[in-house]
Each structure stands twice: as structure tokens, then as C-alpha cells.
C-alpha atoms as a PDB file:
ATOM      1  CA  MET A   1      -0.004  -0.175   0.190  1.00  0.00           C
ATOM      2  CA  THR A   2       1.428   3.369  -0.844  1.00  0.00           C
ATOM      3  CA  ALA A   3       0.413   6.407   0.995  1.00  0.00           C
ATOM      4  CA  ALA A   4      -0.890   9.555  -0.291  1.00  0.00           C
ATOM      5  CA  ILE A   5       1.556  11.878   0.768  1.00  0.00           C
ATOM      6  CA  SER A   6       0.623  15.866   1.364  1.00  0.00           C
ATOM      7  CA  PRO A   7       3.041  18.957   2.306  1.00  0.00           C
ATOM      8  CA  PHE A   8       1.281  19.940   4.231  1.00  0.00           C
ATOM      9  CA  LEU A   9      -0.035  18.555   7.873  1.00  0.00           C
ATOM     10  CA  THR A  10      -3.430  16.805   7.669  1.00  0.00           C
ATOM     11  CA  PHE A  11      -5.494  16.669  11.164  1.00  0.00           C
ATOM     12  CA  ASP A  12      -8.273  15.115  11.233  1.00  0.00           C
ATOM     13  CA  THR A  13      -9.844  16.570  14.731  1.00  0.00           C
ATOM     14  CA  HIS A  14     -12.809  14.278  15.917  1.00  0.00           C
ATOM     15  CA  ILE A  15     -12.918  10.295  15.683  1.00  0.00           C
ATOM     16  CA  ASP A  16     -14.901   8.093  17.348  1.00  0.00           C
ATOM     17  CA  ILE A  17     -13.116   4.926  18.284  1.00  0.00           C
ATOM     18  CA  PRO A  18     -16.303   1.643  18.354  1.00  0.00           C
ATOM     19  CA  TRP A  19     -17.344   0.597  21.671  1.00  0.00           C
ATOM     20  CA  PRO A  20     -17.175  -1.586  23.562  1.00  0.00           C
ATOM     21  CA  ASP A  21     -15.808  -3.532  20.575  1.00  0.00           C
ATOM     22  CA  GLN A  22     -13.366  -1.351  19.608  1.00  0.00           C
ATOM     23  CA  GLY A  23     -11.722  -3.675  17.331  1.00  0.00           C
ATOM     24  CA  ASP A  24      -7.748  -3.354  16.572  1.00  0.00           C
ATOM     25  CA  MET A  25      -6.719  -0.152  15.113  1.00  0.00           C
ATOM     26  CA  MET A  26      -3.604  -1.756  12.987  1.00  0.00           C
ATOM     27  CA  ASN A  27      -5.509  -4.779  11.462  1.00  0.00           C
ATOM     28  CA  PRO A  28      -6.114  -3.579   7.550  1.00  0.00           C
ATOM     29  CA  GLU A  29      -9.370  -6.237   7.825  1.00  0.00           C
ATOM     30  CA  THR A  30     -11.042  -3.811  10.207  1.00  0.00           C
ATOM     31  CA  THR A  31     -14.647  -2.827   9.631  1.00  0.00           C
ATOM     32  CA  ARG A  32     -14.141   0.686  11.130  1.00  0.00           C
ATOM     33  CA  LYS A  33     -13.901   3.906   8.967  1.00  0.00           C
ATOM     34  CA  VAL A  34     -10.700   4.737  10.679  1.00  0.00           C
ATOM     35  CA  ASP A  35      -7.615   2.144  11.186  1.00  0.00           C
ATOM     36  CA  TYR A  36      -3.691   2.918  10.725  1.00  0.00           C
ATOM     37  CA  HIS A  37      -3.881   1.564   6.886  1.00  0.00           C
ATOM     38  CA  LYS A  38      -6.625   3.273   6.339  1.00  0.00           C
ATOM     39  CA  ALA A  39      -5.265   6.829   7.617  1.00  0.00           C
ATOM     40  CA  ARG A  40      -2.080   6.074   5.801  1.00  0.00           C
ATOM     41  CA  GLN A  41      -3.516   5.275   2.309  1.00  0.00           C
ATOM     42  CA  GLY A  42      -5.440   8.492   2.281  1.00  0.00           C
ATOM     43  CA  GLY A  43      -2.696  10.404   3.271  1.00  0.00           C
ATOM     44  CA  LEU A  44      -3.586  11.210   6.978  1.00  0.00           C
ATOM     45  CA  HIS A  45      -1.202  12.131   9.834  1.00  0.00           C
ATOM     46  CA  SER A  46      -3.331  13.462  12.789  1.00  0.00           C
ATOM     47  CA  VAL A  47      -6.441  12.400  14.478  1.00  0.00           C
ATOM     48  CA  CYS A  48      -8.283  13.113  17.580  1.00  0.00           C
ATOM     49  CA  LEU A  49      -9.460   9.871  19.524  1.00  0.00           C
ATOM     50  CA  ALA A  50     -12.630  10.950  21.351  1.00  0.00           C
ATOM     51  CA  ALA A  51     -13.512   9.079  24.476  1.00  0.00           C
ATOM     52  CA  TYR A  52     -17.440   9.389  23.776  1.00  0.00           C
ATOM     53  CA  ILE A  53     -19.928   9.150  27.021  1.00  0.00           C
ATOM     54  CA  PRO A  54     -23.297   9.335  26.151  1.00  0.00           C
ATOM     55  CA  GLN A  55     -25.355  11.152  28.448  1.00  0.00           C
ATOM     56  CA  GLY A  56     -26.969   9.752  31.152  1.00  0.00           C
ATOM     57  CA  PRO A  57     -28.896  10.990  34.829  1.00  0.00           C
ATOM     58  CA  LEU A  58     -27.188  13.458  36.369  1.00  0.00           C
ATOM     59  CA  SER A  59     -26.707  11.347  39.946  1.00  0.00           C
ATOM     60  CA  ASP A  60     -24.022   9.976  41.526  1.00  0.00           C
ATOM     61  CA  THR A  61     -23.995   6.357  39.998  1.00  0.00           C
ATOM     62  CA  GLY A  62     -24.335   7.984  36.584  1.00  0.00           C
ATOM     63  CA  HIS A  63     -21.424  10.176  37.127  1.00  0.00           C
ATOM     64  CA  ALA A  64     -18.870   7.215  38.205  1.00  0.00           C
ATOM     65  CA  GLU A  65     -20.387   5.335  35.664  1.00  0.00           C
ATOM     66  CA  ALA A  66     -19.592   8.090  33.092  1.00  0.00           C
ATOM     67  CA  PHE A  67     -15.849   8.873  34.615  1.00  0.00           C
ATOM     68  CA  GLN A  68     -15.091   4.704  35.103  1.00  0.00           C
ATOM     69  CA  ARG A  69     -15.918   4.638  30.883  1.00  0.00           C
ATOM     70  CA  ALA A  70     -13.761   7.739  30.056  1.00  0.00           C
ATOM     71  CA  GLN A  71     -10.943   6.000  31.638  1.00  0.00           C
ATOM     72  CA  ASP A  72     -11.718   2.543  30.133  1.00  0.00           C
ATOM     73  CA  MET A  73     -11.745   4.204  26.550  1.00  0.00           C
ATOM     74  CA  LEU A  74      -8.818   6.858  26.941  1.00  0.00           C
ATOM     75  CA  SER A  75      -6.915   3.566  28.265  1.00  0.00           C
ATOM     76  CA  VAL A  76      -7.949   1.802  25.219  1.00  0.00           C
ATOM     77  CA  ILE A  77      -6.716   4.357  22.997  1.00  0.00           C
ATOM     78  CA  THR A  78      -3.368   5.468  24.998  1.00  0.00           C
ATOM     79  CA  SER A  79      -2.159   1.982  24.384  1.00  0.00           C
ATOM     80  CA  LEU A  80      -3.008   2.070  20.883  1.00  0.00           C
ATOM     81  CA  PRO A  81       1.414   2.401  20.165  1.00  0.00           C
ATOM     82  CA  GLN A  82       1.960  -1.455  21.832  1.00  0.00           C
ATOM     83  CA  GLN A  83       0.040  -2.529  18.825  1.00  0.00           C
ATOM     84  CA  ALA A  84       2.592  -0.211  16.665  1.00  0.00           C
ATOM     85  CA  SER A  85       5.297  -1.621  14.957  1.00  0.00           C
ATOM     86  CA  PRO A  86       8.564  -0.077  12.812  1.00  0.00           C
ATOM     87  CA  SER A  87       6.657  -0.712   9.949  1.00  0.00           C
ATOM     88  CA  THR A  88       3.478   0.885  11.351  1.00  0.00           C
ATOM     89  CA  PRO A  89       4.677   3.946  13.417  1.00  0.00           C
ATOM     90  CA  LEU A  90       1.842   5.544  15.900  1.00  0.00           C
ATOM     91  CA  ARG A  91       2.553   7.768  18.620  1.00  0.00           C
ATOM     92  CA  ILE A  92       0.288   9.407  21.104  1.00  0.00           C
ATOM     93  CA  CYS A  93       0.831  12.768  21.027  1.00  0.00           C
ATOM     94  CA  ARG A  94       0.286  15.957  24.110  1.00  0.00           C
ATOM     95  CA  THR A  95       1.547  18.939  22.368  1.00  0.00           C
ATOM     96  CA  ALA A  96       1.173  20.637  18.755  1.00  0.00           C
ATOM     97  CA  ASP A  97       5.023  20.555  18.465  1.00  0.00           C
ATOM     98  CA  SER A  98       4.752  16.552  19.075  1.00  0.00           C
ATOM     99  CA  ILE A  99       2.222  16.371  16.610  1.00  0.00           C
ATOM    100  CA  ILE A 100       4.263  18.437  13.970  1.00  0.00           C
ATOM    101  CA  GLN A 101       7.244  15.940  14.836  1.00  0.00           C
ATOM    102  CA  ALA A 102       5.233  13.024  14.463  1.00  0.00           C
ATOM    103  CA  LYS A 103       4.720  13.895  10.556  1.00  0.00           C
ATOM    104  CA  LYS A 104       8.441  14.666  10.408  1.00  0.00           C
ATOM    105  CA  GLU A 105       8.955  11.231  11.555  1.00  0.00           C
ATOM    106  CA  GLY A 106       6.351   9.613   9.596  1.00  0.00           C
ATOM    107  CA  ALA A 107       4.505   8.366  12.340  1.00  0.00           C
ATOM    108  CA  LEU A 108       0.866   8.173  12.797  1.00  0.00           C
ATOM    109  CA  ALA A 109       0.123  11.380  15.567  1.00  0.00           C
ATOM    110  CA  VAL A 110      -3.080  10.645  17.954  1.00  0.00           C
ATOM    111  CA  VAL A 111      -4.524  13.162  20.169  1.00  0.00           C
ATOM    112  CA  PRO A 112      -6.697  11.626  22.948  1.00  0.00           C
ATOM    113  CA  VAL A 113     -10.074  13.910  23.981  1.00  0.00           C
ATOM    114  CA  ILE A 114     -12.920  13.413  25.657  1.00  0.00           C
ATOM    115  CA  GLU A 115     -16.381  14.131  24.332  1.00  0.00           C
ATOM    116  CA  ASN A 116     -18.968  15.474  26.893  1.00  0.00           C
ATOM    117  CA  GLY A 117     -18.255  16.892  30.041  1.00  0.00           C
ATOM    118  CA  TYR A 118     -20.324  14.446  31.706  1.00  0.00           C
ATOM    119  CA  ALA A 119     -17.025  12.338  32.564  1.00  0.00           C
ATOM    120  CA  LEU A 120     -16.123  15.004  34.620  1.00  0.00           C
ATOM    121  CA  GLY A 121     -19.037  14.210  37.182  1.00  0.00           C
ATOM    122  CA  GLU A 122     -19.382  17.367  39.278  1.00  0.00           C
ATOM    123  CA  ASN A 123     -15.629  17.555  40.054  1.00  0.00           C
ATOM    124  CA  PRO A 124     -14.107  19.805  37.901  1.00  0.00           C
ATOM    125  CA  GLU A 125     -10.298  18.761  39.243  1.00  0.00           C
ATOM    126  CA  ASN A 126     -11.160  15.644  36.905  1.00  0.00           C
ATOM    127  CA  VAL A 127      -9.959  17.819  34.381  1.00  0.00           C
ATOM    128  CA  GLY A 128      -6.345  17.683  35.667  1.00  0.00           C
ATOM    129  CA  PHE A 129      -6.798  13.826  36.422  1.00  0.00           C
ATOM    130  CA  PHE A 130      -7.387  13.206  32.769  1.00  0.00           C
ATOM    131  CA  VAL A 131      -4.670  15.357  31.427  1.00  0.00           C
ATOM    132  CA  ASN A 132      -1.996  13.933  33.718  1.00  0.00           C
ATOM    133  CA  ASN A 133      -2.970  10.505  33.176  1.00  0.00           C
ATOM    134  CA  PHE A 134      -4.160  10.343  29.550  1.00  0.00           C
ATOM    135  CA  GLY A 135      -3.234  13.406  27.956  1.00  0.00           C
ATOM    136  CA  VAL A 136      -6.649  15.086  27.069  1.00  0.00           C
ATOM    137  CA  ARG A 137      -6.358  18.135  24.849  1.00  0.00           C
ATOM    138  CA  TYR A 138      -9.758  18.489  24.479  1.00  0.00           C
ATOM    139  CA  ILE A 139     -13.162  18.137  26.442  1.00  0.00           C
ATOM    140  CA  THR A 140     -16.674  18.660  24.295  1.00  0.00           C
ATOM    141  CA  LEU A 141     -18.668  20.333  26.946  1.00  0.00           C
ATOM    142  CA  THR A 142     -22.001  18.686  25.964  1.00  0.00           C
ATOM    143  CA  HIS A 143     -23.221  15.516  24.107  1.00  0.00           C
ATOM    144  CA  ASN A 144     -27.019  15.595  23.530  1.00  0.00           C
ATOM    145  CA  GLY A 145     -28.330  16.250  26.595  1.00  0.00           C
ATOM    146  CA  HIS A 146     -27.981  19.033  29.519  1.00  0.00           C
ATOM    147  CA  ASN A 147     -25.388  18.054  31.899  1.00  0.00           C
ATOM    148  CA  ALA A 148     -23.945  19.427  35.205  1.00  0.00           C
ATOM    149  CA  LEU A 149     -22.035  21.941  33.283  1.00  0.00           C
ATOM    150  CA  ALA A 150     -23.992  23.547  30.474  1.00  0.00           C
ATOM    151  CA  ASP A 151     -26.984  23.085  27.983  1.00  0.00           C
ATOM    152  CA  ALA A 152     -27.012  21.317  25.150  1.00  0.00           C
ATOM    153  CA  ALA A 153     -28.244  22.529  22.006  1.00  0.00           C
ATOM    154  CA  ILE A 154     -30.030  19.203  21.483  1.00  0.00           C
ATOM    155  CA  ALA A 155     -32.267  18.357  24.744  1.00  0.00           C
ATOM    156  CA  ARG A 156     -33.202  14.833  25.758  1.00  0.00           C
ATOM    157  CA  ALA A 157     -36.572  14.445  26.960  1.00  0.00           C
ATOM    158  CA  ASP A 158     -35.988  10.652  27.648  1.00  0.00           C
ATOM    159  CA  LEU A 159     -33.821  11.916  30.498  1.00  0.00           C
ATOM    160  CA  GLY A 160     -36.461  15.029  31.418  1.00  0.00           C
ATOM    161  CA  ASP A 161     -34.703  17.384  29.997  1.00  0.00           C
ATOM    162  CA  LEU A 162     -36.626  21.206  29.581  1.00  0.00           C
ATOM    163  CA  PRO A 163     -35.215  23.424  26.818  1.00  0.00           C
ATOM    164  CA  THR A 164     -32.742  24.749  29.461  1.00  0.00           C
ATOM    165  CA  ARG A 165     -31.498  23.621  32.536  1.00  0.00           C
ATOM    166  CA  HIS A 166     -29.075  26.492  33.475  1.00  0.00           C
ATOM    167  CA  GLY A 167     -29.334  28.914  30.739  1.00  0.00           C
ATOM    168  CA  GLY A 168     -25.876  27.962  29.239  1.00  0.00           C
ATOM    169  CA  LEU A 169     -23.286  27.302  31.288  1.00  0.00           C
ATOM    170  CA  SER A 170     -23.922  26.241  35.144  1.00  0.00           C
ATOM    171  CA  PRO A 171     -21.433  27.571  37.782  1.00  0.00           C
ATOM    172  CA  LEU A 172     -19.761  24.359  37.731  1.00  0.00           C
ATOM    173  CA  GLY A 173     -19.376  24.730  34.056  1.00  0.00           C
ATOM    174  CA  ARG A 174     -17.289  27.959  34.390  1.00  0.00           C
ATOM    175  CA  GLN A 175     -15.462  26.138  36.990  1.00  0.00           C
ATOM    176  CA  ALA A 176     -14.692  23.451  34.534  1.00  0.00           C
ATOM    177  CA  ILE A 177     -13.725  25.729  31.755  1.00  0.00           C
ATOM    178  CA  SER A 178     -11.189  27.331  34.368  1.00  0.00           C
ATOM    179  CA  ALA A 179      -9.656  23.821  35.278  1.00  0.00           C
ATOM    180  CA  MET A 180      -9.129  23.675  31.476  1.00  0.00           C
ATOM    181  CA  ASN A 181      -7.757  26.796  30.639  1.00  0.00           C
ATOM    182  CA  ASP A 182      -5.309  26.219  33.366  1.00  0.00           C
ATOM    183  CA  HIS A 183      -4.403  22.428  32.207  1.00  0.00           C
ATOM    184  CA  GLY A 184      -3.780  23.242  28.641  1.00  0.00           C
ATOM    185  CA  VAL A 185      -7.180  21.678  27.445  1.00  0.00           C
ATOM    186  CA  VAL A 186      -9.205  23.545  24.641  1.00  0.00           C
ATOM    187  CA  ILE A 187     -13.054  23.756  25.377  1.00  0.00           C
ATOM    188  CA  ASP A 188     -14.729  22.059  22.585  1.00  0.00           C
ATOM    189  CA  VAL A 189     -18.571  23.666  22.028  1.00  0.00           C
ATOM    190  CA  SER A 190     -19.876  21.354  19.373  1.00  0.00           C
ATOM    191  CA  HIS A 191     -22.966  19.499  20.646  1.00  0.00           C
ATOM    192  CA  ALA A 192     -23.418  22.685  23.413  1.00  0.00           C
ATOM    193  CA  ALA A 193     -26.195  25.395  23.119  1.00  0.00           C
ATOM    194  CA  ARG A 194     -26.019  27.963  21.502  1.00  0.00           C
ATOM    195  CA  SER A 195     -25.974  30.240  24.872  1.00  0.00           C
ATOM    196  CA  THR A 196     -23.136  27.283  26.350  1.00  0.00           C
ATOM    197  CA  MET A 197     -21.367  28.491  23.560  1.00  0.00           C
ATOM    198  CA  MET A 198     -21.212  32.385  23.214  1.00  0.00           C
ATOM    199  CA  GLN A 199     -20.676  32.111  27.057  1.00  0.00           C
ATOM    200  CA  ALA A 200     -17.575  30.039  26.829  1.00  0.00           C
ATOM    201  CA  THR A 201     -16.134  32.329  24.504  1.00  0.00           C
ATOM    202  CA  GLU A 202     -16.437  35.261  27.112  1.00  0.00           C
ATOM    203  CA  ILE A 203     -14.694  33.550  30.092  1.00  0.00           C
ATOM    204  CA  SER A 204     -12.576  31.439  28.299  1.00  0.00           C
ATOM    205  CA  LYS A 205      -8.976  32.876  28.166  1.00  0.00           C
ATOM    206  CA  THR A 206      -7.915  30.495  25.166  1.00  0.00           C
ATOM    207  CA  PRO A 207      -9.368  30.172  21.943  1.00  0.00           C
ATOM    208  CA  ILE A 208     -12.184  27.503  21.965  1.00  0.00           C
ATOM    209  CA  VAL A 209     -12.886  25.113  18.972  1.00  0.00           C
ATOM    210  CA  ALA A 210     -16.104  23.329  17.831  1.00  0.00           C
ATOM    211  CA  SER A 211     -14.575  20.207  16.651  1.00  0.00           C
ATOM    212  CA  HIS A 212     -17.392  18.854  14.398  1.00  0.00           C
ATOM    213  CA  SER A 213     -19.880  21.098  13.540  1.00  0.00           C
ATOM    214  CA  CYS A 214     -21.416  22.946  10.408  1.00  0.00           C
ATOM    215  CA  ALA A 215     -22.924  26.330   9.266  1.00  0.00           C
ATOM    216  CA  ARG A 216     -26.375  26.753  10.218  1.00  0.00           C
ATOM    217  CA  ALA A 217     -26.581  29.459   7.368  1.00  0.00           C
ATOM    218  CA  LEU A 218     -26.394  26.561   4.959  1.00  0.00           C
ATOM    219  CA  CYS A 219     -28.091  24.001   6.926  1.00  0.00           C
ATOM    220  CA  ASP A 220     -30.242  24.608   9.441  1.00  0.00           C
ATOM    221  CA  HIS A 221     -29.581  22.181  12.203  1.00  0.00           C
ATOM    222  CA  PRO A 222     -29.211  23.012  16.082  1.00  0.00           C
ATOM    223  CA  ARG A 223     -26.360  21.477  16.395  1.00  0.00           C
ATOM    224  CA  ASN A 224     -24.297  23.821  13.399  1.00  0.00           C
ATOM    225  CA  LEU A 225     -23.228  27.479  14.203  1.00  0.00           C
ATOM    226  CA  ASP A 226     -24.863  30.664  13.302  1.00  0.00           C
ATOM    227  CA  ASP A 227     -23.275  33.565  11.832  1.00  0.00           C
ATOM    228  CA  GLU A 228     -23.278  35.346  14.851  1.00  0.00           C
ATOM    229  CA  GLN A 229     -21.180  32.082  16.914  1.00  0.00           C
ATOM    230  CA  LEU A 230     -18.820  32.230  13.617  1.00  0.00           C
ATOM    231  CA  LEU A 231     -18.103  36.133  14.017  1.00  0.00           C
ATOM    232  CA  ARG A 232     -17.502  35.667  17.673  1.00  0.00           C
ATOM    233  CA  LEU A 233     -14.941  32.682  17.072  1.00  0.00           C
ATOM    234  CA  ARG A 234     -13.145  35.068  14.501  1.00  0.00           C
ATOM    235  CA  ASP A 235     -13.360  37.497  17.302  1.00  0.00           C
ATOM    236  CA  THR A 236     -12.065  35.293  19.726  1.00  0.00           C
ATOM    237  CA  GLY A 237      -9.336  33.478  17.962  1.00  0.00           C
ATOM    238  CA  GLY A 238     -11.481  30.173  17.657  1.00  0.00           C
ATOM    239  CA  VAL A 239     -12.285  27.947  14.950  1.00  0.00           C
ATOM    240  CA  ILE A 240     -14.722  25.440  13.494  1.00  0.00           C
ATOM    241  CA  GLN A 241     -14.007  22.158  12.366  1.00  0.00           C
ATOM    242  CA  ILE A 242     -16.305  21.334   9.372  1.00  0.00           C
ATOM    243  CA  THR A 243     -17.443  17.719   9.699  1.00  0.00           C
ATOM    244  CA  ALA A 244     -18.892  15.001   7.402  1.00  0.00           C
ATOM    245  CA  MET A 245     -21.940  14.455   8.994  1.00  0.00           C
ATOM    246  CA  SER A 246     -24.667  14.301   6.337  1.00  0.00           C
ATOM    247  CA  SER A 247     -27.385  15.667   8.119  1.00  0.00           C
ATOM    248  CA  PHE A 248     -25.058  18.888   9.065  1.00  0.00           C
ATOM    249  CA  LEU A 249     -24.277  19.437   5.747  1.00  0.00           C
ATOM    250  CA  ARG A 250     -27.431  19.382   3.792  1.00  0.00           C
ATOM    251  CA  LYS A 251     -31.023  19.330   5.112  1.00  0.00           C
ATOM    252  CA  GLY A 252     -32.996  16.073   4.734  1.00  0.00           C
ATOM    253  CA  GLY A 253     -29.193  14.361   4.645  1.00  0.00           C
ATOM    254  CA  GLY A 254     -27.457  12.891   1.855  1.00  0.00           C
ATOM    255  CA  GLY A 255     -24.273  15.353   2.021  1.00  0.00           C
ATOM    256  CA  THR A 256     -21.676  15.296  -0.306  1.00  0.00           C
ATOM    257  CA  LEU A 257     -17.967  15.944  -0.446  1.00  0.00           C
ATOM    258  CA  ASN A 258     -19.189  19.061  -2.598  1.00  0.00           C
ATOM    259  CA  ASP A 259     -21.386  20.157   0.627  1.00  0.00           C
ATOM    260  CA  LEU A 260     -18.566  20.063   3.028  1.00  0.00           C
ATOM    261  CA  VAL A 261     -16.336  22.204   0.707  1.00  0.00           C
ATOM    262  CA  GLN A 262     -19.284  24.766  -0.083  1.00  0.00           C
ATOM    263  CA  HIS A 263     -19.573  25.007   4.218  1.00  0.00           C
ATOM    264  CA  VAL A 264     -15.857  25.298   4.331  1.00  0.00           C
ATOM    265  CA  ARG A 265     -15.568  28.120   1.381  1.00  0.00           C
ATOM    266  CA  TYR A 266     -18.549  29.843   3.204  1.00  0.00           C
ATOM    267  CA  VAL A 267     -16.750  29.971   6.413  1.00  0.00           C
ATOM    268  CA  ALA A 268     -13.425  31.420   5.128  1.00  0.00           C
ATOM    269  CA  ASP A 269     -15.247  34.070   2.835  1.00  0.00           C
ATOM    270  CA  LYS A 270     -17.411  34.580   6.430  1.00  0.00           C
ATOM    271  CA  ILE A 271     -14.519  35.029   9.010  1.00  0.00           C
ATOM    272  CA  GLY A 272     -11.639  34.068   7.866  1.00  0.00           C
ATOM    273  CA  VAL A 273      -9.189  31.404   6.793  1.00  0.00           C
ATOM    274  CA  ARG A 274      -7.713  31.048   9.930  1.00  0.00           C
ATOM    275  CA  HIS A 275     -10.722  30.269  11.751  1.00  0.00           C
ATOM    276  CA  VAL A 276     -12.060  26.875   9.689  1.00  0.00           C
ATOM    277  CA  GLY A 277     -10.876  23.032   9.540  1.00  0.00           C
ATOM    278  CA  ILE A 278     -11.494  19.990   8.625  1.00  0.00           C
ATOM    279  CA  SER A 279     -13.322  16.729  10.595  1.00  0.00           C
ATOM    280  CA  SER A 280     -15.080  13.881   9.832  1.00  0.00           C
ATOM    281  CA  ASP A 281     -16.568  12.222  12.751  1.00  0.00           C
ATOM    282  CA  PHE A 282     -15.952   8.686  11.333  1.00  0.00           C
ATOM    283  CA  ASP A 283     -17.327   5.823  13.174  1.00  0.00           C
ATOM    284  CA  GLY A 284     -19.661   8.677  15.081  1.00  0.00           C
ATOM    285  CA  GLY A 285     -21.993   8.872  12.618  1.00  0.00           C
ATOM    286  CA  GLY A 286     -19.710  10.774   9.851  1.00  0.00           C
ATOM    287  CA  GLY A 287     -18.888   9.294   6.438  1.00  0.00           C
ATOM    288  CA  ILE A 288     -20.070  11.267   3.153  1.00  0.00           C
ATOM    289  CA  GLN A 289     -19.775  10.884  -0.744  1.00  0.00           C
ATOM    290  CA  GLY A 290     -16.515  11.193  -1.702  1.00  0.00           C
ATOM    291  CA  TRP A 291     -15.281  10.926   1.885  1.00  0.00           C
ATOM    292  CA  GLU A 292     -16.670   7.515   2.949  1.00  0.00           C
ATOM    293  CA  ASP A 293     -13.647   6.601   5.209  1.00  0.00           C
ATOM    294  CA  ALA A 294     -10.171   7.311   5.920  1.00  0.00           C
ATOM    295  CA  SER A 295      -8.541   6.136   2.749  1.00  0.00           C
ATOM    296  CA  LYS A 296     -10.512   8.629   0.815  1.00  0.00           C
ATOM    297  CA  THR A 297      -8.813  11.834   2.735  1.00  0.00           C
ATOM    298  CA  HIS A 298      -7.303  12.655  -0.212  1.00  0.00           C
ATOM    299  CA  ASN A 299     -10.195  13.407  -2.108  1.00  0.00           C
ATOM    300  CA  VAL A 300     -11.038  16.291   0.270  1.00  0.00           C
ATOM    301  CA  THR A 301      -7.620  17.882  -0.543  1.00  0.00           C
ATOM    302  CA  GLN A 302      -8.274  17.776  -4.252  1.00  0.00           C
ATOM    303  CA  ALA A 303     -11.887  19.528  -3.706  1.00  0.00           C
ATOM    304  CA  LEU A 304     -10.408  21.987  -1.629  1.00  0.00           C
ATOM    305  CA  VAL A 305      -8.052  22.876  -4.413  1.00  0.00           C
ATOM    306  CA  LYS A 306     -10.741  22.516  -6.815  1.00  0.00           C
ATOM    307  CA  ALA A 307     -12.577  25.124  -4.914  1.00  0.00           C
ATOM    308  CA  GLY A 308      -9.839  27.526  -4.909  1.00  0.00           C
ATOM    309  CA  PHE A 309      -7.702  26.692  -1.570  1.00  0.00           C
ATOM    310  CA  VAL A 310      -4.184  27.140  -2.127  1.00  0.00           C
ATOM    311  CA  ASN A 311      -0.927  26.796  -0.006  1.00  0.00           C
ATOM    312  CA  ASP A 312      -1.294  28.526   3.272  1.00  0.00           C
ATOM    313  CA  GLU A 313      -4.782  28.194   2.890  1.00  0.00           C
ATOM    314  CA  LEU A 314      -4.671  24.616   2.812  1.00  0.00           C
ATOM    315  CA  ASN A 315      -2.195  24.188   5.493  1.00  0.00           C
ATOM    316  CA  ALA A 316      -4.748  26.657   7.362  1.00  0.00           C
ATOM    317  CA  VAL A 317      -7.690  24.365   7.080  1.00  0.00           C
ATOM    318  CA  TRP A 318      -6.399  20.770   7.229  1.00  0.00           C
ATOM    319  CA  GLY A 319      -4.445  21.209  10.336  1.00  0.00           C
ATOM    320  CA  GLY A 320      -2.513  24.663  10.933  1.00  0.00           C
ATOM    321  CA  ASN A 321      -5.761  26.305  12.794  1.00  0.00           C
ATOM    322  CA  MET A 322      -6.268  23.697  15.043  1.00  0.00           C
ATOM    323  CA  LEU A 323      -2.175  23.642  16.047  1.00  0.00           C
ATOM    324  CA  ARG A 324      -2.543  26.980  16.516  1.00  0.00           C
ATOM    325  CA  VAL A 325      -5.599  26.900  19.166  1.00  0.00           C
ATOM    326  CA  LEU A 326      -3.900  23.936  20.495  1.00  0.00           C
ATOM    327  CA  GLN A 327      -0.579  25.806  20.911  1.00  0.00           C
ATOM    328  CA  SER A 328      -2.557  28.798  22.406  1.00  0.00           C
ATOM    329  CA  ALA A 329      -3.835  26.162  25.347  1.00  0.00           C
ATOM    330  CA  GLU A 330      -0.509  25.204  25.776  1.00  0.00           C
ATOM    331  CA  THR A 331       0.998  28.329  26.566  1.00  0.00           C
ATOM    332  CA  TYR A 332      -1.601  29.751  28.845  1.00  0.00           C
ATOM    333  CA  ALA A 333      -1.480  26.718  30.918  1.00  0.00           C
ATOM    334  CA  LYS A 334      -0.860  27.302  34.523  1.00  0.00           C
ATOM    335  CA  HIS A 335       0.096  23.783  34.834  1.00  0.00           C
ATOM    336  CA  PRO A 336       2.883  22.934  31.906  1.00  0.00           C
ATOM    337  CA  VAL A 337       1.351  20.465  29.122  1.00  0.00           C
ATOM    338  CA  LYS A 338       3.966  17.814  28.328  1.00  0.00           C
END
């Protein structure tokens, strides 16, 4: 197998791992959309692998189970180098510089992240626990359903959610954001309510990211960001990572690679190319015509070029912008990120 090579860093910032049957990341026969071999075939250099925690009850038991699941999933992610070999180099990366170095040395960079702050329970100090033990670099404040930290974009009637629980961030959520800033963890507002997102930009000391969202002007979905939110991202240095989730790209679904690039172009024209990137949400529902799995990642680059993105613009969209956000978080952190 010959890998497609890009002169710039290609960084997919949101990928799930199948759970509990996570399969073998190094197995070329796996059915998952992202494995080592598909990533290399598609020319992908770096990935954020997410410990996804589904929203459950806001109880001591629910929080304990979420905290344990996050540990179990992160343990699987951070043990991946044990499956690697000299011919299949893979590295867990905790810093922007280590991601760049991994690319230079031909290794696939894996960045551990958490999807849903539910994993923190009601203890913001757990941010430091996840950083110190697993190298977590971003935490998505919510998933579908409000948690103890914040309101989500999509309420869960089955969990007893009202349209809003906190009016955005709770006092605990504000403490969690402060803890994330202190530990160099990027605040991720994908899945968060509009109120949560806007408040997070006001109190975070570092730029935030929407790791897997799209432009609401092109597809009116509650998970997408409207123009005012995009402008707030621009004004606070943040980034939206346009994602290959069909229902976020086109009303009614059926999204294609052309739709994804249209969203990237819309955001770049609206708030600047420094504030937009790309993610797949593979193995979490992502996958569109033209970018069905990681082996087709080179198609994204070709589509961006066809849409007029060149040189530094390609570098910014495919990884440079996310690296900048990570570096900003590392620079501010009161506890050095190593």
C-alpha cells in the first residue's frame, strides 16, 4: 500500500472509537472507518480519537459510570502504540510540537480527547486527572442532553430535559472551563447550546473550538453554528471544524464532499480562513459521498484545491488552525503541557 503524501499536516480533529467492541486499530481487515492503514492510505497524518460518553442521569451513579467509561476508553486509545511496529509507527501526542514532529518522522499522531463533560461528574479537578493520566487535549462540554456543566444544543426528553437547564453554562461549568484553561485543555463547543457556546467564548482565556459542526446558514440544524456564533469565533481566535456528518451538511441528509467544501468556503469567506478546519466524525456517524472512510481523505484535499484553496490556505484548513488553538492553550496553561 502506498500512502498519499501531503506537504502540509492533515489533521482530522474528531473521530470516535467503536465501543465496547473497539476492534484493532492496526488491523487492515477491520470494518471501522478509521484504522492505521486507512489513515495512511488516505494521507492522514494526525487524528483526535474521542472517548465518547453518552449522556445519562445526573446522579452519583451516572457520574461514576461516566468517569469510569472515560478512563476505560482513554486507556484503549493511549495503549495504541503497544500495537504499533517499526513498519506501522504510531505515537500518542500531547502537544502541538509533538504532532508536527510525528509527521516529520512518519508516525501517525493520535491525540486523546473526551466527548462530553459528563465524564467530569461534578468535580472540575477531574480535568487535571484526565490530562495527567491520559494526555487529553480537548473536552466537549456536552453531548446530546444537558449535563451538570452546561446546556446542550439538543435536549433529551427521555432524560427529563427542559429546553434549558442552566441558561447556558452552570457555575460548575464555568469552574470546569477555568480548570481546562489552567491545564491547557481546549474547550470544545460542538453539541453545546448557543447560549453555552457564546458564554464559553466570554470566559475562556484561550480560543475555543467546535470540533465537529457546520454552518447553520447553509443547513439549519441545531448542532450547527449561526453567523453570529461564527463571528464570535473569529473575534476570539477560535476555529470551527466542518464535519462530514450528512445531516449537518444538507437538510434531509445526503451530504456529499461538495457540500462539505461549500461549508468550508462559506466560513472562510465569512470569518477568514484562519478560523475553519475539517473533521470527519468517522465511527460516530460521519461519512459522506466522496469521503466514506479515512482511505479517501486525499479526495478532500483535491476538492479543496478545486474550490480555490491554495498553499497556506490548505495548510491552515487541514491542520494549521487547530495546531494554533492547541498552542494557545499550551501557552496559557498554568500547569505545563508535556
